[in-house]
Amino acid sequence: MTVTFNHTIIVSKDRDESARFFRELFERPQAPSWGPFVNVQLDEGVLLQFAEPPVTEIQAQHYAFLVDDDLFDRAYARIQAQGIEHWADPQMRQPGRTNTEHGGRGVYFRDPSGHYIEMITRPYL
């Protein structure tokens, strides 16, 4: 049997705003949602399920997304146009830049709930 990634729940301050952020950034259509979740469907059926927990403080997590060069260009242009603070490195020491690690390009930024998002064009392995 093969193993593939199917879904994850991302804790959000505002599940609709977070889902909209990722749909617009990654050019995804509206997906069916149910219960406490607002879903964003990625390729291969992977779901990002945004939910609002009954807590006041959200523990920031790291999520990395592999995209092709064309989508990277368009998404990075949206990041810049929206004035989203971003960095070339995970330590946030190189603001306003991208990197060329692992034979591709990458950028780090935060989503509306404060999670650390990494967008790369080449896998690490």
N, C-alpha and C. Protein backbone atom coordinates (compact mmCIF):
# COMPACT_ATOMS: atom_id res chain seq x y z
N MET A 1 0.84 -1.18 0.00
CA MET A 1 0.00 0.00 0.00
C MET A 1 0.88 1.23 0.00
N THR A 2 0.51 2.22 -0.77
CA THR A 2 1.25 3.48 -0.79
C THR A 2 0.77 4.37 0.34
N VAL A 3 1.60 5.33 0.69
CA VAL A 3 1.24 6.31 1.71
C VAL A 3 1.24 7.69 1.07
N THR A 4 0.14 8.39 1.19
CA THR A 4 0.04 9.76 0.69
C THR A 4 -0.56 10.64 1.77
N PHE A 5 -0.32 11.91 1.65
CA PHE A 5 -0.87 12.88 2.59
C PHE A 5 -2.27 13.24 2.13
N ASN A 6 -3.24 13.23 3.06
CA ASN A 6 -4.63 13.47 2.68
C ASN A 6 -5.17 14.80 3.14
N HIS A 7 -5.01 15.16 4.43
CA HIS A 7 -5.54 16.43 4.91
C HIS A 7 -4.88 16.83 6.23
N THR A 8 -5.03 18.10 6.54
CA THR A 8 -4.61 18.61 7.85
C THR A 8 -5.59 19.69 8.27
N ILE A 9 -5.73 19.84 9.58
CA ILE A 9 -6.57 20.89 10.13
C ILE A 9 -5.65 22.03 10.54
N ILE A 10 -5.94 23.21 10.03
CA ILE A 10 -5.14 24.39 10.37
C ILE A 10 -5.99 25.29 11.25
N VAL A 11 -5.52 25.50 12.47
CA VAL A 11 -6.21 26.34 13.43
C VAL A 11 -6.15 27.78 12.95
N SER A 12 -7.29 28.46 12.95
CA SER A 12 -7.38 29.80 12.38
C SER A 12 -8.14 30.75 13.30
N LYS A 13 -7.76 32.01 13.24
CA LYS A 13 -8.51 33.05 13.95
C LYS A 13 -9.85 33.29 13.27
N ASP A 14 -9.83 33.22 11.93
CA ASP A 14 -11.03 33.40 11.11
C ASP A 14 -10.91 32.40 9.96
N ARG A 15 -11.65 31.30 10.06
CA ARG A 15 -11.49 30.22 9.08
C ARG A 15 -11.82 30.66 7.65
N ASP A 16 -12.80 31.53 7.49
CA ASP A 16 -13.14 32.01 6.15
C ASP A 16 -12.02 32.87 5.56
N GLU A 17 -11.47 33.76 6.37
CA GLU A 17 -10.38 34.61 5.90
C GLU A 17 -9.15 33.78 5.54
N SER A 18 -8.82 32.80 6.39
CA SER A 18 -7.65 31.96 6.11
C SER A 18 -7.85 31.15 4.83
N ALA A 19 -9.03 30.54 4.67
CA ALA A 19 -9.29 29.76 3.46
C ALA A 19 -9.22 30.64 2.22
N ARG A 20 -9.81 31.82 2.31
CA ARG A 20 -9.78 32.76 1.18
C ARG A 20 -8.33 33.14 0.83
N PHE A 21 -7.51 33.40 1.85
CA PHE A 21 -6.09 33.75 1.64
C PHE A 21 -5.39 32.67 0.82
N PHE A 22 -5.56 31.40 1.21
CA PHE A 22 -4.88 30.32 0.50
C PHE A 22 -5.50 30.06 -0.87
N ARG A 23 -6.83 30.16 -0.99
CA ARG A 23 -7.46 29.99 -2.30
C ARG A 23 -6.94 31.02 -3.29
N GLU A 24 -6.88 32.27 -2.87
CA GLU A 24 -6.42 33.33 -3.76
C GLU A 24 -4.93 33.21 -4.04
N LEU A 25 -4.13 32.92 -3.02
CA LEU A 25 -2.69 32.81 -3.21
C LEU A 25 -2.34 31.70 -4.19
N PHE A 26 -2.97 30.53 -4.01
CA PHE A 26 -2.64 29.36 -4.83
C PHE A 26 -3.62 29.10 -5.97
N GLU A 27 -4.52 30.07 -6.22
CA GLU A 27 -5.44 30.00 -7.36
C GLU A 27 -6.28 28.73 -7.34
N ARG A 28 -6.91 28.45 -6.20
CA ARG A 28 -7.73 27.26 -6.04
C ARG A 28 -9.21 27.63 -6.08
N PRO A 29 -10.05 26.79 -6.65
CA PRO A 29 -11.49 27.07 -6.65
C PRO A 29 -12.10 26.80 -5.28
N GLN A 30 -13.32 27.29 -5.11
CA GLN A 30 -14.08 27.00 -3.88
C GLN A 30 -14.24 25.50 -3.75
N ALA A 31 -14.08 24.95 -2.55
CA ALA A 31 -14.25 23.52 -2.31
C ALA A 31 -15.42 23.30 -1.35
N PRO A 32 -16.06 22.15 -1.41
CA PRO A 32 -17.12 21.87 -0.45
C PRO A 32 -16.57 21.91 0.98
N SER A 33 -17.36 22.43 1.90
CA SER A 33 -16.97 22.50 3.30
C SER A 33 -18.09 21.91 4.14
N TRP A 34 -17.77 21.49 5.36
CA TRP A 34 -18.77 20.89 6.25
C TRP A 34 -18.36 21.09 7.69
N GLY A 35 -19.34 20.96 8.55
CA GLY A 35 -19.09 21.06 9.98
C GLY A 35 -18.31 22.31 10.34
N PRO A 36 -17.30 22.16 11.18
CA PRO A 36 -16.53 23.32 11.61
C PRO A 36 -15.44 23.73 10.63
N PHE A 37 -15.37 23.08 9.46
CA PHE A 37 -14.26 23.28 8.53
C PHE A 37 -14.63 24.10 7.31
N VAL A 38 -13.70 24.95 6.89
CA VAL A 38 -13.75 25.58 5.57
C VAL A 38 -12.55 25.00 4.84
N ASN A 39 -12.81 24.31 3.74
CA ASN A 39 -11.79 23.53 3.05
C ASN A 39 -11.20 24.23 1.85
N VAL A 40 -9.92 23.96 1.63
CA VAL A 40 -9.22 24.33 0.40
C VAL A 40 -8.62 23.04 -0.13
N GLN A 41 -8.96 22.70 -1.37
CA GLN A 41 -8.45 21.47 -1.94
C GLN A 41 -7.25 21.76 -2.83
N LEU A 42 -6.16 21.05 -2.55
CA LEU A 42 -4.94 21.14 -3.36
C LEU A 42 -4.91 19.97 -4.33
N ASP A 43 -3.86 19.84 -5.10
CA ASP A 43 -3.73 18.73 -6.04
C ASP A 43 -3.69 17.40 -5.29
N GLU A 44 -4.00 16.33 -5.99
CA GLU A 44 -4.01 14.97 -5.45
C GLU A 44 -5.05 14.79 -4.34
N GLY A 45 -6.04 15.70 -4.27
CA GLY A 45 -7.11 15.58 -3.29
C GLY A 45 -6.76 16.01 -1.88
N VAL A 46 -5.59 16.58 -1.68
CA VAL A 46 -5.18 17.03 -0.35
C VAL A 46 -6.07 18.19 0.10
N LEU A 47 -6.56 18.10 1.33
CA LEU A 47 -7.40 19.16 1.89
C LEU A 47 -6.68 19.92 2.99
N LEU A 48 -6.78 21.22 2.93
CA LEU A 48 -6.44 22.09 4.06
C LEU A 48 -7.79 22.41 4.69
N GLN A 49 -7.97 22.05 5.94
CA GLN A 49 -9.24 22.28 6.62
C GLN A 49 -9.04 23.33 7.70
N PHE A 50 -9.64 24.49 7.51
CA PHE A 50 -9.48 25.60 8.44
C PHE A 50 -10.60 25.57 9.46
N ALA A 51 -10.23 25.67 10.74
CA ALA A 51 -11.20 25.62 11.83
C ALA A 51 -10.82 26.66 12.88
N GLU A 52 -11.83 27.15 13.58
CA GLU A 52 -11.64 28.12 14.66
C GLU A 52 -11.81 27.40 15.99
N PRO A 53 -10.73 27.17 16.72
CA PRO A 53 -10.86 26.47 18.00
C PRO A 53 -11.35 27.42 19.11
N PRO A 54 -11.85 26.85 20.19
CA PRO A 54 -12.30 27.70 21.30
C PRO A 54 -11.13 28.11 22.21
N VAL A 55 -10.09 28.70 21.61
CA VAL A 55 -8.95 29.20 22.38
C VAL A 55 -8.69 30.64 21.96
N THR A 56 -8.00 31.37 22.80
CA THR A 56 -7.73 32.78 22.49
C THR A 56 -6.38 32.98 21.82
N GLU A 57 -5.46 32.05 22.01
CA GLU A 57 -4.14 32.19 21.41
C GLU A 57 -3.83 30.97 20.54
N ILE A 58 -3.35 31.22 19.33
CA ILE A 58 -3.04 30.15 18.39
C ILE A 58 -1.54 29.89 18.38
N GLN A 59 -1.17 28.63 18.50
CA GLN A 59 0.23 28.21 18.41
C GLN A 59 0.62 28.19 16.93
N ALA A 60 1.58 29.03 16.55
CA ALA A 60 1.99 29.10 15.14
C ALA A 60 2.65 27.80 14.71
N GLN A 61 2.28 27.34 13.53
CA GLN A 61 2.85 26.14 12.92
C GLN A 61 3.55 26.52 11.62
N HIS A 62 4.31 25.56 11.07
CA HIS A 62 5.00 25.77 9.80
C HIS A 62 4.36 24.87 8.75
N TYR A 63 4.01 25.47 7.61
CA TYR A 63 3.45 24.72 6.49
C TYR A 63 4.23 25.11 5.23
N ALA A 64 4.73 24.11 4.51
CA ALA A 64 5.51 24.36 3.29
C ALA A 64 4.74 23.84 2.08
N PHE A 65 4.72 24.63 1.01
CA PHE A 65 4.00 24.29 -0.20
C PHE A 65 4.95 24.29 -1.39
N LEU A 66 4.92 23.21 -2.14
CA LEU A 66 5.71 23.07 -3.36
C LEU A 66 4.83 23.50 -4.53
N VAL A 67 5.28 24.50 -5.28
CA VAL A 67 4.53 25.03 -6.42
C VAL A 67 5.44 25.08 -7.64
N ASP A 68 4.85 25.17 -8.82
CA ASP A 68 5.69 25.30 -10.01
C ASP A 68 6.16 26.75 -10.15
N ASP A 69 7.09 26.97 -11.05
CA ASP A 69 7.70 28.30 -11.21
C ASP A 69 6.68 29.37 -11.59
N ASP A 70 5.74 29.02 -12.47
CA ASP A 70 4.75 30.01 -12.91
C ASP A 70 3.85 30.44 -11.75
N LEU A 71 3.36 29.47 -10.96
CA LEU A 71 2.53 29.82 -9.82
C LEU A 71 3.34 30.59 -8.78
N PHE A 72 4.59 30.21 -8.58
CA PHE A 72 5.44 30.96 -7.64
C PHE A 72 5.49 32.44 -8.05
N ASP A 73 5.72 32.69 -9.34
CA ASP A 73 5.79 34.07 -9.82
C ASP A 73 4.50 34.83 -9.54
N ARG A 74 3.36 34.20 -9.85
CA ARG A 74 2.07 34.87 -9.65
C ARG A 74 1.77 35.05 -8.17
N ALA A 75 2.01 34.03 -7.36
CA ALA A 75 1.74 34.12 -5.92
C ALA A 75 2.68 35.14 -5.26
N TYR A 76 3.94 35.14 -5.66
CA TYR A 76 4.88 36.10 -5.08
C TYR A 76 4.48 37.53 -5.47
N ALA A 77 3.99 37.72 -6.67
CA ALA A 77 3.51 39.04 -7.08
C ALA A 77 2.33 39.47 -6.20
N ARG A 78 1.44 38.53 -5.86
CA ARG A 78 0.32 38.85 -4.96
C ARG A 78 0.82 39.20 -3.56
N ILE A 79 1.81 38.47 -3.07
CA ILE A 79 2.41 38.76 -1.76
C ILE A 79 2.95 40.18 -1.74
N GLN A 80 3.67 40.54 -2.78
CA GLN A 80 4.24 41.89 -2.86
C GLN A 80 3.13 42.94 -2.99
N ALA A 81 2.16 42.70 -3.87
CA ALA A 81 1.09 43.68 -4.10
C ALA A 81 0.27 43.92 -2.84
N GLN A 82 0.10 42.89 -2.02
CA GLN A 82 -0.68 43.02 -0.79
C GLN A 82 0.16 43.52 0.38
N GLY A 83 1.44 43.75 0.15
CA GLY A 83 2.30 44.24 1.21
C GLY A 83 2.53 43.24 2.32
N ILE A 84 2.48 41.95 2.00
CA ILE A 84 2.70 40.91 3.00
C ILE A 84 4.19 40.83 3.30
N GLU A 85 4.53 40.98 4.57
CA GLU A 85 5.93 40.89 4.98
C GLU A 85 6.44 39.48 4.66
N HIS A 86 7.62 39.40 4.08
CA HIS A 86 8.18 38.11 3.69
C HIS A 86 9.69 38.14 3.78
N TRP A 87 10.28 36.93 3.79
CA TRP A 87 11.71 36.79 3.99
C TRP A 87 12.26 35.69 3.08
N ALA A 88 13.57 35.76 2.82
CA ALA A 88 14.25 34.73 2.05
C ALA A 88 14.66 33.56 2.94
N ASP A 89 14.60 33.73 4.26
CA ASP A 89 15.10 32.73 5.19
C ASP A 89 14.12 32.51 6.34
N PRO A 90 14.15 31.30 6.94
CA PRO A 90 13.21 31.01 8.02
C PRO A 90 13.51 31.78 9.31
N GLN A 91 14.71 32.31 9.44
CA GLN A 91 15.06 33.10 10.62
C GLN A 91 14.59 34.55 10.50
N MET A 92 14.04 34.90 9.36
CA MET A 92 13.50 36.24 9.09
C MET A 92 14.58 37.32 9.19
N ARG A 93 15.74 37.03 8.66
CA ARG A 93 16.86 37.99 8.67
C ARG A 93 17.06 38.67 7.31
N GLN A 94 16.36 38.17 6.28
CA GLN A 94 16.51 38.71 4.93
C GLN A 94 15.13 39.16 4.42
N PRO A 95 14.65 40.28 4.92
CA PRO A 95 13.29 40.72 4.55
C PRO A 95 13.18 41.16 3.10
N GLY A 96 11.96 40.97 2.56
CA GLY A 96 11.65 41.46 1.21
C GLY A 96 12.35 40.74 0.09
N ARG A 97 12.84 39.52 0.36
CA ARG A 97 13.60 38.79 -0.67
C ARG A 97 13.12 37.34 -0.78
N THR A 98 13.55 36.68 -1.84
CA THR A 98 13.35 35.24 -2.00
C THR A 98 14.72 34.59 -1.95
N ASN A 99 14.75 33.26 -1.92
CA ASN A 99 16.03 32.55 -1.93
C ASN A 99 16.12 31.63 -3.14
N THR A 100 17.30 31.09 -3.37
CA THR A 100 17.52 30.14 -4.46
C THR A 100 18.12 28.85 -3.90
N GLU A 101 17.55 28.38 -2.82
CA GLU A 101 18.02 27.15 -2.17
C GLU A 101 17.57 25.91 -2.94
N HIS A 102 18.33 24.84 -2.83
CA HIS A 102 17.97 23.52 -3.36
C HIS A 102 17.65 23.53 -4.85
N GLY A 103 18.26 24.44 -5.60
CA GLY A 103 18.08 24.48 -7.04
C GLY A 103 16.79 25.12 -7.49
N GLY A 104 16.08 25.76 -6.58
CA GLY A 104 14.83 26.42 -6.93
C GLY A 104 14.73 27.75 -6.23
N ARG A 105 13.52 28.21 -6.02
CA ARG A 105 13.30 29.47 -5.31
C ARG A 105 12.38 29.22 -4.13
N GLY A 106 12.49 30.09 -3.13
CA GLY A 106 11.64 29.95 -1.97
C GLY A 106 11.40 31.28 -1.29
N VAL A 107 10.35 31.33 -0.49
CA VAL A 107 10.01 32.53 0.27
C VAL A 107 9.24 32.09 1.52
N TYR A 108 9.39 32.86 2.58
CA TYR A 108 8.70 32.62 3.85
C TYR A 108 7.83 33.82 4.17
N PHE A 109 6.63 33.57 4.71
CA PHE A 109 5.73 34.64 5.10
C PHE A 109 4.73 34.07 6.10
N ARG A 110 3.87 34.90 6.65
CA ARG A 110 2.85 34.44 7.60
C ARG A 110 1.47 34.54 6.97
N ASP A 111 0.61 33.62 7.35
CA ASP A 111 -0.78 33.69 6.89
C ASP A 111 -1.58 34.57 7.85
N PRO A 112 -2.86 34.81 7.59
CA PRO A 112 -3.64 35.71 8.45
C PRO A 112 -3.71 35.30 9.92
N SER A 113 -3.50 34.02 10.23
CA SER A 113 -3.53 33.57 11.63
C SER A 113 -2.15 33.54 12.27
N GLY A 114 -1.11 33.89 11.51
CA GLY A 114 0.24 33.94 12.06
C GLY A 114 1.07 32.70 11.84
N HIS A 115 0.55 31.72 11.09
CA HIS A 115 1.34 30.53 10.80
C HIS A 115 2.47 30.88 9.85
N TYR A 116 3.58 30.15 9.98
CA TYR A 116 4.74 30.35 9.12
C TYR A 116 4.55 29.54 7.84
N ILE A 117 4.51 30.23 6.72
CA ILE A 117 4.28 29.59 5.42
C ILE A 117 5.55 29.67 4.59
N GLU A 118 5.90 28.55 4.00
CA GLU A 118 7.05 28.47 3.10
C GLU A 118 6.53 28.05 1.74
N MET A 119 6.96 28.74 0.69
CA MET A 119 6.58 28.40 -0.67
C MET A 119 7.88 28.15 -1.43
N ILE A 120 8.00 26.95 -2.01
CA ILE A 120 9.23 26.57 -2.72
C ILE A 120 8.90 26.01 -4.10
N THR A 121 9.89 26.07 -5.00
CA THR A 121 9.69 25.56 -6.35
C THR A 121 10.39 24.22 -6.60
N ARG A 122 11.22 23.78 -5.67
CA ARG A 122 11.90 22.48 -5.78
C ARG A 122 11.86 21.79 -4.42
N PRO A 123 11.61 20.47 -4.42
CA PRO A 123 11.62 19.75 -3.14
C PRO A 123 13.03 19.68 -2.58
N TYR A 124 13.13 19.49 -1.28
CA TYR A 124 14.45 19.40 -0.64
C TYR A 124 15.15 18.09 -0.97
N LEU A 125 14.40 17.03 -1.14
CA LEU A 125 14.99 15.72 -1.47
C LEU A 125 14.48 15.23 -2.80
